[in-house]
N, C-alpha and C. Protein backbone atom coordinates (compact mmCIF):
# COMPACT_ATOMS: atom_id res chain seq x y z
N MET A 1 4.56 10.51 14.87
CA MET A 1 4.33 9.76 15.23
C MET A 1 4.14 8.07 14.23
N ALA A 2 4.27 7.37 15.68
CA ALA A 2 4.25 6.03 14.73
C ALA A 2 3.06 5.29 14.20
N SER A 3 3.25 4.75 12.95
CA SER A 3 2.32 4.08 12.21
C SER A 3 1.30 3.29 13.39
N PRO A 4 0.20 2.54 13.13
CA PRO A 4 -0.41 1.58 13.96
C PRO A 4 0.30 0.28 13.37
N PRO A 5 0.65 -0.96 14.67
CA PRO A 5 0.88 -2.07 14.19
C PRO A 5 0.00 -2.46 12.91
N LEU A 6 1.04 -3.51 11.99
CA LEU A 6 0.28 -4.56 11.24
C LEU A 6 0.15 -5.55 11.46
N LEU A 7 -1.33 -6.11 11.60
CA LEU A 7 -1.87 -7.17 12.41
C LEU A 7 -2.44 -8.11 11.30
N THR A 8 -2.49 -9.33 11.49
CA THR A 8 -2.53 -10.95 10.63
C THR A 8 -4.19 -11.31 11.57
N GLY A 9 -4.59 -11.18 10.24
CA GLY A 9 -5.73 -12.25 10.76
C GLY A 9 -5.51 -13.34 10.72
N LEU A 10 -7.06 -14.09 11.28
CA LEU A 10 -7.31 -15.49 11.53
C LEU A 10 -7.35 -16.58 10.51
N ALA A 11 -6.59 -17.82 10.45
CA ALA A 11 -7.26 -18.70 9.20
C ALA A 11 -8.47 -18.97 9.28
N PRO A 12 -8.48 -19.19 7.90
CA PRO A 12 -10.38 -19.31 7.74
C PRO A 12 -10.54 -21.15 8.12
N VAL A 13 -12.03 -21.05 8.15
CA VAL A 13 -12.93 -22.14 9.07
C VAL A 13 -13.47 -22.57 7.79
N ILE A 14 -13.07 -24.00 6.50
CA ILE A 14 -13.63 -23.57 5.60
C ILE A 14 -13.25 -25.68 5.83
N ASP A 15 -14.07 -26.09 4.50
CA ASP A 15 -13.47 -27.40 4.20
C ASP A 15 -14.29 -27.78 2.96
N PRO A 16 -14.17 -28.91 2.05
CA PRO A 16 -14.62 -29.10 0.81
C PRO A 16 -16.50 -28.99 1.08
N GLN A 17 -16.74 -29.04 2.56
CA GLN A 17 -18.71 -29.22 2.06
C GLN A 17 -19.23 -28.22 2.35
N VAL A 18 -18.51 -26.44 2.57
CA VAL A 18 -19.04 -25.90 3.01
C VAL A 18 -20.22 -25.39 1.54
N ARG A 19 -20.96 -24.83 2.18
CA ARG A 19 -22.03 -23.97 1.32
C ARG A 19 -21.91 -22.84 0.94
N ILE A 20 -22.14 -22.18 2.41
CA ILE A 20 -21.93 -20.96 2.93
C ILE A 20 -20.68 -20.61 3.44
N LEU A 21 -20.26 -19.12 3.02
CA LEU A 21 -19.40 -18.76 3.52
C LEU A 21 -19.71 -17.34 3.93
N ILE A 22 -19.48 -17.05 5.29
CA ILE A 22 -19.33 -16.07 6.00
C ILE A 22 -17.99 -15.26 5.69
N LEU A 23 -17.70 -13.64 5.38
CA LEU A 23 -16.90 -13.11 5.79
C LEU A 23 -17.13 -11.85 6.15
N GLY A 24 -16.35 -11.57 7.36
CA GLY A 24 -16.24 -10.11 8.38
C GLY A 24 -15.27 -9.34 7.28
N SER A 25 -14.82 -8.60 7.69
CA SER A 25 -14.00 -7.33 7.55
C SER A 25 -12.57 -7.70 7.79
N PHE A 26 -12.56 -7.58 9.03
CA PHE A 26 -10.79 -8.23 9.56
C PHE A 26 -11.55 -7.98 11.13
N PRO A 27 -11.01 -9.20 11.96
CA PRO A 27 -11.17 -9.34 13.61
C PRO A 27 -10.96 -7.96 14.21
N GLY A 28 -11.01 -8.14 15.19
CA GLY A 28 -11.19 -6.94 16.33
C GLY A 28 -10.54 -7.53 17.29
N ALA A 29 -10.27 -6.48 18.21
CA ALA A 29 -8.80 -6.48 18.97
C ALA A 29 -9.25 -7.33 19.77
N VAL A 30 -9.87 -7.88 20.39
CA VAL A 30 -10.59 -8.80 21.26
C VAL A 30 -10.58 -10.06 20.96
N SER A 31 -10.97 -9.64 19.26
CA SER A 31 -11.33 -11.21 18.26
C SER A 31 -9.51 -11.93 18.27
N LEU A 32 -8.47 -10.85 18.09
CA LEU A 32 -7.19 -11.26 17.77
C LEU A 32 -6.59 -11.48 18.98
N ALA A 33 -7.11 -10.68 19.98
CA ALA A 33 -5.96 -10.82 21.07
C ALA A 33 -6.40 -12.96 21.81
N GLN A 34 -7.51 -13.13 21.10
CA GLN A 34 -7.83 -14.71 21.81
C GLN A 34 -7.84 -15.34 21.01
N GLN A 35 -7.46 -15.38 19.40
CA GLN A 35 -7.39 -15.71 18.85
C GLN A 35 -8.58 -16.14 18.43
N GLN A 36 -10.03 -15.95 18.14
CA GLN A 36 -11.23 -16.75 17.91
C GLN A 36 -11.78 -15.69 17.10
N TYR A 37 -13.05 -16.21 16.35
CA TYR A 37 -14.20 -14.99 15.03
C TYR A 37 -14.68 -14.65 16.23
N TYR A 38 -15.20 -13.28 16.46
CA TYR A 38 -16.09 -12.88 17.04
C TYR A 38 -16.25 -13.15 18.87
N ALA A 39 -15.29 -12.77 18.82
CA ALA A 39 -14.97 -13.06 20.24
C ALA A 39 -15.27 -11.93 21.25
N HIS A 40 -15.71 -10.69 20.65
CA HIS A 40 -16.26 -9.92 21.65
C HIS A 40 -17.91 -10.12 22.24
N PRO A 41 -17.79 -10.57 23.60
CA PRO A 41 -18.89 -10.79 24.00
C PRO A 41 -20.17 -10.02 24.08
N ARG A 42 -20.45 -8.81 23.22
CA ARG A 42 -21.59 -8.01 23.12
C ARG A 42 -21.70 -8.48 20.82
N ASN A 43 -20.90 -9.17 20.36
CA ASN A 43 -21.29 -9.12 19.27
C ASN A 43 -22.07 -10.16 19.09
N GLN A 44 -23.14 -10.25 18.17
CA GLN A 44 -24.19 -11.16 18.14
C GLN A 44 -24.15 -12.20 17.12
N PHE A 45 -22.51 -12.29 16.35
CA PHE A 45 -22.58 -13.08 15.49
C PHE A 45 -22.80 -14.79 15.73
N TRP A 46 -22.26 -15.07 16.75
CA TRP A 46 -22.84 -16.61 17.36
C TRP A 46 -24.12 -16.85 17.40
N ARG A 47 -25.00 -15.85 17.70
CA ARG A 47 -26.22 -15.39 18.39
C ARG A 47 -26.98 -16.01 17.05
N LEU A 48 -26.41 -14.92 16.13
CA LEU A 48 -27.44 -15.17 15.02
C LEU A 48 -27.09 -16.09 13.89
N VAL A 49 -25.85 -16.89 14.03
CA VAL A 49 -26.04 -18.18 13.35
C VAL A 49 -25.96 -19.15 14.24
N GLY A 50 -26.17 -19.18 15.07
CA GLY A 50 -26.86 -20.16 16.15
C GLY A 50 -28.37 -19.97 15.63
N ALA A 51 -28.89 -19.24 16.34
CA ALA A 51 -30.53 -18.96 15.59
C ALA A 51 -31.07 -19.67 14.01
N LEU A 52 -29.99 -19.03 13.11
CA LEU A 52 -30.07 -19.62 12.14
C LEU A 52 -30.31 -21.24 11.96
N VAL A 53 -29.07 -22.04 12.26
CA VAL A 53 -29.10 -23.23 12.64
C VAL A 53 -29.72 -23.76 13.18
N GLY A 54 -30.69 -23.05 14.01
CA GLY A 54 -31.19 -24.12 15.64
C GLY A 54 -30.30 -24.60 16.38
N GLU A 55 -29.33 -23.91 16.89
CA GLU A 55 -28.53 -24.76 17.89
C GLU A 55 -27.36 -23.31 18.60
N ASP A 56 -27.60 -23.42 19.99
CA ASP A 56 -27.38 -22.49 20.99
C ASP A 56 -25.54 -22.59 20.36
N LEU A 57 -24.90 -22.21 19.76
CA LEU A 57 -23.40 -22.21 19.48
C LEU A 57 -22.86 -20.77 20.57
N TYR A 58 -23.53 -19.76 20.97
CA TYR A 58 -23.31 -18.88 21.74
C TYR A 58 -22.63 -19.78 22.95
N SER A 59 -23.39 -20.59 23.62
CA SER A 59 -22.71 -21.26 25.00
C SER A 59 -22.00 -22.34 24.71
N LEU A 60 -21.49 -22.75 23.61
CA LEU A 60 -20.68 -23.96 23.38
C LEU A 60 -19.19 -23.09 23.68
N PRO A 61 -18.15 -23.92 23.97
CA PRO A 61 -17.09 -23.38 24.42
C PRO A 61 -16.42 -23.43 22.78
N TYR A 62 -15.53 -22.03 22.83
CA TYR A 62 -15.31 -21.67 21.25
C TYR A 62 -14.81 -22.70 20.45
N ALA A 63 -14.36 -23.65 21.35
CA ALA A 63 -13.00 -24.67 19.87
C ALA A 63 -14.76 -25.81 19.48
N GLU A 64 -15.66 -25.61 20.14
CA GLU A 64 -16.58 -26.58 19.92
C GLU A 64 -17.48 -25.79 18.44
N ARG A 65 -17.57 -24.43 18.34
CA ARG A 65 -18.45 -23.82 17.90
C ARG A 65 -18.09 -23.98 16.53
N LEU A 66 -16.63 -24.38 16.10
CA LEU A 66 -16.11 -24.41 14.98
C LEU A 66 -16.70 -25.97 13.90
N PRO A 67 -16.40 -26.60 14.77
CA PRO A 67 -16.81 -27.80 14.13
C PRO A 67 -18.13 -27.85 13.81
N ARG A 68 -19.18 -27.29 14.76
CA ARG A 68 -20.67 -27.07 14.75
C ARG A 68 -20.97 -26.18 13.44
N LEU A 69 -20.36 -25.71 13.70
CA LEU A 69 -20.45 -24.70 12.01
C LEU A 69 -20.59 -25.31 10.68
N LEU A 70 -19.39 -26.01 10.60
CA LEU A 70 -18.86 -26.82 9.98
C LEU A 70 -19.44 -27.76 9.26
N ALA A 71 -20.42 -28.53 10.57
CA ALA A 71 -21.55 -29.41 10.52
C ALA A 71 -22.73 -29.07 9.59
N HIS A 72 -22.85 -27.66 9.55
CA HIS A 72 -23.87 -26.84 8.91
C HIS A 72 -23.57 -26.29 7.92
N ARG A 73 -22.50 -26.69 7.19
CA ARG A 73 -21.75 -26.29 5.72
C ARG A 73 -21.56 -25.04 5.87
N ILE A 74 -21.24 -24.47 7.06
CA ILE A 74 -21.33 -22.61 7.18
C ILE A 74 -19.56 -22.39 7.35
N GLY A 75 -19.14 -21.39 6.60
CA GLY A 75 -17.53 -21.59 6.81
C GLY A 75 -17.51 -19.92 6.95
N LEU A 76 -16.56 -19.82 7.14
CA LEU A 76 -15.58 -18.56 8.19
C LEU A 76 -14.91 -17.85 7.70
N TRP A 77 -14.75 -16.56 7.50
CA TRP A 77 -13.33 -16.22 7.31
C TRP A 77 -13.47 -14.44 6.90
N ASP A 78 -12.60 -13.88 6.40
CA ASP A 78 -12.27 -12.16 6.73
C ASP A 78 -12.24 -11.94 5.28
N VAL A 79 -12.21 -10.96 4.64
CA VAL A 79 -12.23 -10.32 3.58
C VAL A 79 -10.51 -9.67 3.05
N LEU A 80 -10.36 -9.59 4.52
CA LEU A 80 -8.94 -8.47 5.25
C LEU A 80 -7.82 -9.76 5.79
N GLY A 81 -6.72 -9.77 5.22
CA GLY A 81 -5.83 -11.10 5.90
C GLY A 81 -4.48 -9.83 6.82
N ALA A 82 -4.47 -8.93 6.63
CA ALA A 82 -3.56 -8.22 6.86
C ALA A 82 -4.01 -6.17 7.25
N CYS A 83 -3.62 -6.09 8.03
CA CYS A 83 -4.25 -4.50 7.80
C CYS A 83 -3.31 -3.70 8.90
N GLU A 84 -3.11 -2.35 9.11
CA GLU A 84 -2.43 -1.65 10.15
C GLU A 84 -3.94 -0.63 10.57
N ARG A 85 -3.85 -1.30 12.04
CA ARG A 85 -5.29 -0.49 12.49
C ARG A 85 -5.04 -0.37 13.67
N GLU A 86 -5.49 0.68 14.78
CA GLU A 86 -5.14 1.05 16.33
C GLU A 86 -7.26 0.67 16.57
N GLY A 87 -6.98 -0.18 17.63
CA GLY A 87 -8.65 -0.33 18.00
C GLY A 87 -9.10 -1.75 17.25
N SER A 88 -10.46 -1.45 16.87
CA SER A 88 -11.18 -2.49 16.50
C SER A 88 -12.45 -1.88 15.02
N LEU A 89 -12.30 -0.73 15.00
CA LEU A 89 -13.57 0.12 14.22
C LEU A 89 -12.84 -0.04 12.75
N ASP A 90 -13.31 -0.47 12.06
CA ASP A 90 -13.44 -0.72 10.56
C ASP A 90 -12.76 0.87 9.76
N SER A 91 -13.60 1.69 10.63
CA SER A 91 -13.19 3.00 9.64
C SER A 91 -11.59 3.44 10.01
N ALA A 92 -11.24 2.32 11.21
CA ALA A 92 -9.62 2.67 11.59
C ALA A 92 -8.66 1.81 10.84
N ILE A 93 -9.00 1.20 9.78
CA ILE A 93 -8.15 0.14 8.79
C ILE A 93 -7.36 1.01 8.38
N ARG A 94 -6.00 0.28 8.14
CA ARG A 94 -5.07 1.67 6.71
C ARG A 94 -4.20 0.58 6.44
N LYS A 95 -3.84 0.17 5.38
CA LYS A 95 -3.37 -0.76 4.41
C LYS A 95 -3.87 -1.80 4.24
N PRO A 96 -4.87 -1.88 3.87
CA PRO A 96 -5.82 -3.25 4.12
C PRO A 96 -5.32 -4.55 2.94
N ALA A 97 -5.06 -5.51 3.23
CA ALA A 97 -4.63 -6.24 2.28
C ALA A 97 -5.14 -7.37 2.21
N ALA A 98 -5.93 -7.91 0.96
CA ALA A 98 -7.17 -8.95 0.90
C ALA A 98 -7.04 -10.15 0.68
N ASN A 99 -7.47 -11.01 1.66
CA ASN A 99 -7.26 -12.39 1.59
C ASN A 99 -7.09 -12.84 0.30
N ASP A 100 -6.47 -13.99 0.09
CA ASP A 100 -6.11 -14.80 -1.60
C ASP A 100 -7.34 -15.31 -1.88
N PHE A 101 -8.97 -15.26 -2.22
CA PHE A 101 -9.56 -16.22 -2.61
C PHE A 101 -9.83 -16.83 -4.13
N GLU A 102 -8.31 -17.12 -4.53
CA GLU A 102 -8.04 -16.99 -5.86
C GLU A 102 -8.33 -19.24 -5.73
N ARG A 103 -7.94 -19.39 -4.64
CA ARG A 103 -8.32 -20.69 -4.54
C ARG A 103 -9.23 -21.43 -3.98
N LEU A 104 -10.24 -20.75 -3.91
CA LEU A 104 -11.68 -20.98 -3.27
C LEU A 104 -12.65 -22.17 -3.84
N HIS A 105 -12.34 -21.45 -5.08
CA HIS A 105 -13.40 -22.98 -6.04
C HIS A 105 -12.50 -24.57 -5.81
N GLN A 106 -11.42 -24.27 -5.40
CA GLN A 106 -10.96 -25.73 -4.98
C GLN A 106 -10.88 -25.99 -4.21
N LEU A 107 -10.44 -24.94 -3.09
CA LEU A 107 -10.93 -25.44 -1.41
C LEU A 107 -12.17 -25.57 -1.09
N CYS A 108 -13.46 -25.23 -1.95
CA CYS A 108 -14.70 -25.12 -1.29
C CYS A 108 -15.34 -25.23 -2.44
N PRO A 109 -15.54 -26.47 -3.12
CA PRO A 109 -16.34 -27.14 -4.36
C PRO A 109 -17.61 -26.69 -4.25
N ALA A 110 -18.04 -26.55 -3.03
CA ALA A 110 -19.60 -27.07 -2.80
C ALA A 110 -20.15 -25.61 -2.58
N LEU A 111 -19.13 -24.45 -2.33
CA LEU A 111 -19.97 -23.09 -2.06
C LEU A 111 -20.24 -22.71 -3.19
N GLU A 112 -21.76 -22.12 -2.72
CA GLU A 112 -22.72 -21.25 -3.28
C GLU A 112 -22.99 -19.80 -3.04
N THR A 113 -23.16 -19.50 -1.50
CA THR A 113 -23.51 -18.26 -1.34
C THR A 113 -22.38 -17.43 -0.32
N VAL A 114 -22.48 -16.33 -0.78
CA VAL A 114 -20.93 -16.42 0.23
C VAL A 114 -21.76 -14.32 1.02
N GLY A 115 -21.96 -14.62 2.37
CA GLY A 115 -22.31 -13.49 3.66
C GLY A 115 -21.50 -12.71 3.73
N PHE A 116 -21.51 -11.68 3.62
CA PHE A 116 -20.70 -10.37 3.75
C PHE A 116 -21.34 -9.56 5.41
N ASN A 117 -20.99 -9.87 5.75
CA ASN A 117 -21.03 -9.79 7.51
C ASN A 117 -20.57 -7.94 7.81
N GLY A 118 -21.77 -6.95 7.16
CA GLY A 118 -20.96 -5.57 7.25
C GLY A 118 -20.85 -5.00 6.03
N GLN A 119 -21.12 -3.63 5.87
CA GLN A 119 -20.95 -3.22 4.54
C GLN A 119 -19.72 -2.83 4.13
N ALA A 120 -18.20 -3.26 5.31
CA ALA A 120 -17.30 -3.00 4.91
C ALA A 120 -16.89 -4.44 4.08
N SER A 121 -17.04 -5.13 4.54
CA SER A 121 -17.22 -6.61 4.01
C SER A 121 -17.69 -6.76 2.78
N GLY A 122 -18.87 -6.24 2.78
CA GLY A 122 -19.82 -6.36 1.40
C GLY A 122 -18.98 -5.02 0.74
N LYS A 123 -18.41 -4.63 0.37
CA LYS A 123 -17.60 -3.90 -0.66
C LYS A 123 -16.65 -4.82 -1.68
N PHE A 124 -16.75 -5.92 -0.99
CA PHE A 124 -16.00 -7.01 -1.69
C PHE A 124 -17.18 -7.75 -2.78
N ALA A 125 -18.20 -8.12 -2.11
CA ALA A 125 -19.32 -8.82 -2.97
C ALA A 125 -19.71 -8.94 -4.50
N PRO A 126 -19.21 -7.54 -4.87
CA PRO A 126 -19.19 -7.70 -6.45
C PRO A 126 -18.48 -8.58 -7.08
N GLN A 127 -16.87 -8.70 -6.69
CA GLN A 127 -15.83 -9.83 -7.17
C GLN A 127 -16.58 -11.07 -6.70
N PHE A 128 -17.45 -11.33 -5.56
CA PHE A 128 -18.24 -13.14 -5.52
C PHE A 128 -18.83 -13.19 -6.47
N ALA A 129 -19.76 -12.17 -6.82
CA ALA A 129 -20.75 -11.91 -7.80
C ALA A 129 -20.65 -12.38 -9.08
N ALA A 130 -19.12 -11.59 -9.89
CA ALA A 130 -18.97 -12.05 -10.80
C ALA A 130 -18.12 -13.31 -10.91
N ARG A 131 -17.66 -14.20 -9.54
CA ARG A 131 -17.27 -15.60 -10.00
C ARG A 131 -18.06 -16.96 -9.80
N GLY A 132 -19.66 -15.99 -9.62
CA GLY A 132 -20.55 -16.70 -9.91
C GLY A 132 -21.19 -16.83 -8.42
N TYR A 133 -20.81 -16.67 -7.81
CA TYR A 133 -21.68 -16.79 -6.24
C TYR A 133 -23.08 -16.41 -5.90
N ARG A 134 -23.73 -16.71 -5.33
CA ARG A 134 -25.16 -15.75 -4.63
C ARG A 134 -23.99 -15.10 -3.43
N THR A 135 -24.57 -13.79 -3.62
CA THR A 135 -23.96 -13.01 -2.72
C THR A 135 -24.98 -12.11 -1.71
N VAL A 136 -24.80 -12.47 -0.27
CA VAL A 136 -26.00 -11.11 0.31
C VAL A 136 -24.70 -10.34 1.94
N VAL A 137 -25.00 -9.30 1.06
CA VAL A 137 -24.67 -7.85 2.33
C VAL A 137 -25.30 -8.35 3.58
N LEU A 138 -25.15 -8.65 4.72
CA LEU A 138 -25.91 -8.64 5.76
C LEU A 138 -25.13 -7.50 6.50
N PRO A 139 -26.39 -7.06 8.09
CA PRO A 139 -26.17 -6.09 8.64
C PRO A 139 -24.99 -6.74 9.83
N SER A 140 -24.37 -5.91 9.59
CA SER A 140 -23.15 -5.95 10.85
C SER A 140 -23.95 -6.62 12.15
N SER A 141 -22.69 -7.92 12.67
CA SER A 141 -22.90 -8.44 14.15
C SER A 141 -22.31 -7.89 15.05
N SER A 142 -21.79 -6.97 14.77
CA SER A 142 -20.92 -6.32 15.86
C SER A 142 -21.73 -5.28 16.43
N PRO A 143 -20.98 -5.35 18.04
CA PRO A 143 -21.92 -4.60 19.18
C PRO A 143 -21.68 -2.88 18.73
N ALA A 144 -21.30 -2.14 17.38
CA ALA A 144 -21.02 -1.04 17.10
C ALA A 144 -22.30 -0.51 16.25
N HIS A 145 -22.64 -1.71 15.69
CA HIS A 145 -24.11 -1.67 14.85
C HIS A 145 -24.84 -1.81 15.39
N MET A 146 -25.89 -1.24 16.49
CA MET A 146 -27.10 -1.10 16.84
C MET A 146 -28.21 -0.30 16.28
N ALA A 147 -28.26 -0.42 15.18
CA ALA A 147 -29.41 0.20 14.60
C ALA A 147 -30.51 -0.30 14.79
N MET A 148 -30.03 -1.48 14.40
CA MET A 148 -31.57 -2.84 13.92
C MET A 148 -31.63 -3.60 15.29
N THR A 149 -32.77 -3.81 15.53
CA THR A 149 -32.46 -4.59 16.31
C THR A 149 -32.08 -6.49 16.31
N PHE A 150 -31.98 -7.09 17.20
CA PHE A 150 -31.74 -8.55 16.94
C PHE A 150 -32.34 -9.42 16.07
N GLU A 151 -33.66 -9.18 16.39
CA GLU A 151 -34.48 -9.89 15.21
C GLU A 151 -34.69 -8.57 13.82
N GLN A 152 -34.06 -8.30 13.94
CA GLN A 152 -34.51 -7.09 12.36
C GLN A 152 -33.26 -7.73 11.77
N LYS A 153 -31.78 -8.04 12.23
CA LYS A 153 -30.82 -7.94 11.76
C LYS A 153 -31.41 -9.78 11.65
N LEU A 154 -31.28 -10.50 12.18
CA LEU A 154 -31.53 -12.24 12.39
C LEU A 154 -32.57 -12.09 11.26
N ASP A 155 -33.76 -11.14 10.54
CA ASP A 155 -34.78 -11.12 9.09
C ASP A 155 -33.86 -11.46 8.37
N VAL A 156 -32.75 -10.26 8.33
CA VAL A 156 -32.06 -9.92 6.75
C VAL A 156 -30.48 -11.28 6.83
N TRP A 157 -30.66 -11.84 7.92
CA TRP A 157 -29.30 -12.56 7.94
C TRP A 157 -30.07 -14.08 7.70
N ARG A 158 -31.33 -14.78 7.44
CA ARG A 158 -32.05 -15.92 7.10
C ARG A 158 -32.14 -16.08 5.74
N GLN A 159 -31.52 -14.73 4.97
CA GLN A 159 -31.53 -15.02 3.03
C GLN A 159 -29.98 -15.61 3.01
N LEU A 160 -29.57 -15.68 3.91
CA LEU A 160 -27.96 -16.60 3.94
C LEU A 160 -28.28 -18.46 3.65
N LEU A 161 -29.88 -18.99 4.10
CA LEU A 161 -29.79 -19.93 3.86
C LEU A 161 -31.00 -19.98 2.64
N ALA A 162 -31.50 -19.19 1.67
CA ALA A 162 -32.67 -19.24 1.09
C ALA A 162 -31.74 -20.10 -0.62
N GLY A 163 -31.98 -20.96 -1.09
CA GLY A 163 -31.06 -21.23 -2.24
C GLY A 163 -30.65 -20.52 -3.08
N PRO A 164 -29.55 -21.09 -3.98
CA PRO A 164 -28.94 -19.94 -4.70
C PRO A 164 -29.77 -19.80 -6.13
């Protein structure tokens, strides 16, 4: 049986003004195919972040979402830069390779808070906390995680905006 394909993630959406960085685990199949973060139409990410910043990011074309996100000093990336996986579930990830976060202090000197979109990425929270960042493990925005309502998720996601 052939091993799953080696997949490469998306480039980070960051700049020196970013105060909050949201890290997912690894892009799903739809996101990889479209080369867009959180491209699956049922993923609640853009609705959640839009509600946080008071702007309807979901209705914007993708190319306009990223500059708006950065305007609110929020960056976006994944904890994994590559892995093998069939489908989109985190549980199917094999041979994970973490992104290189060593230069984060230089690239994002204003960074204070790192949010982890789901439990899989949340496993990396202790490493970021040890480097002095405030960390928040968030309920996943994935359509596979429907144990909480949108409003319940949003209540937890609001912790991203709390001060350090």
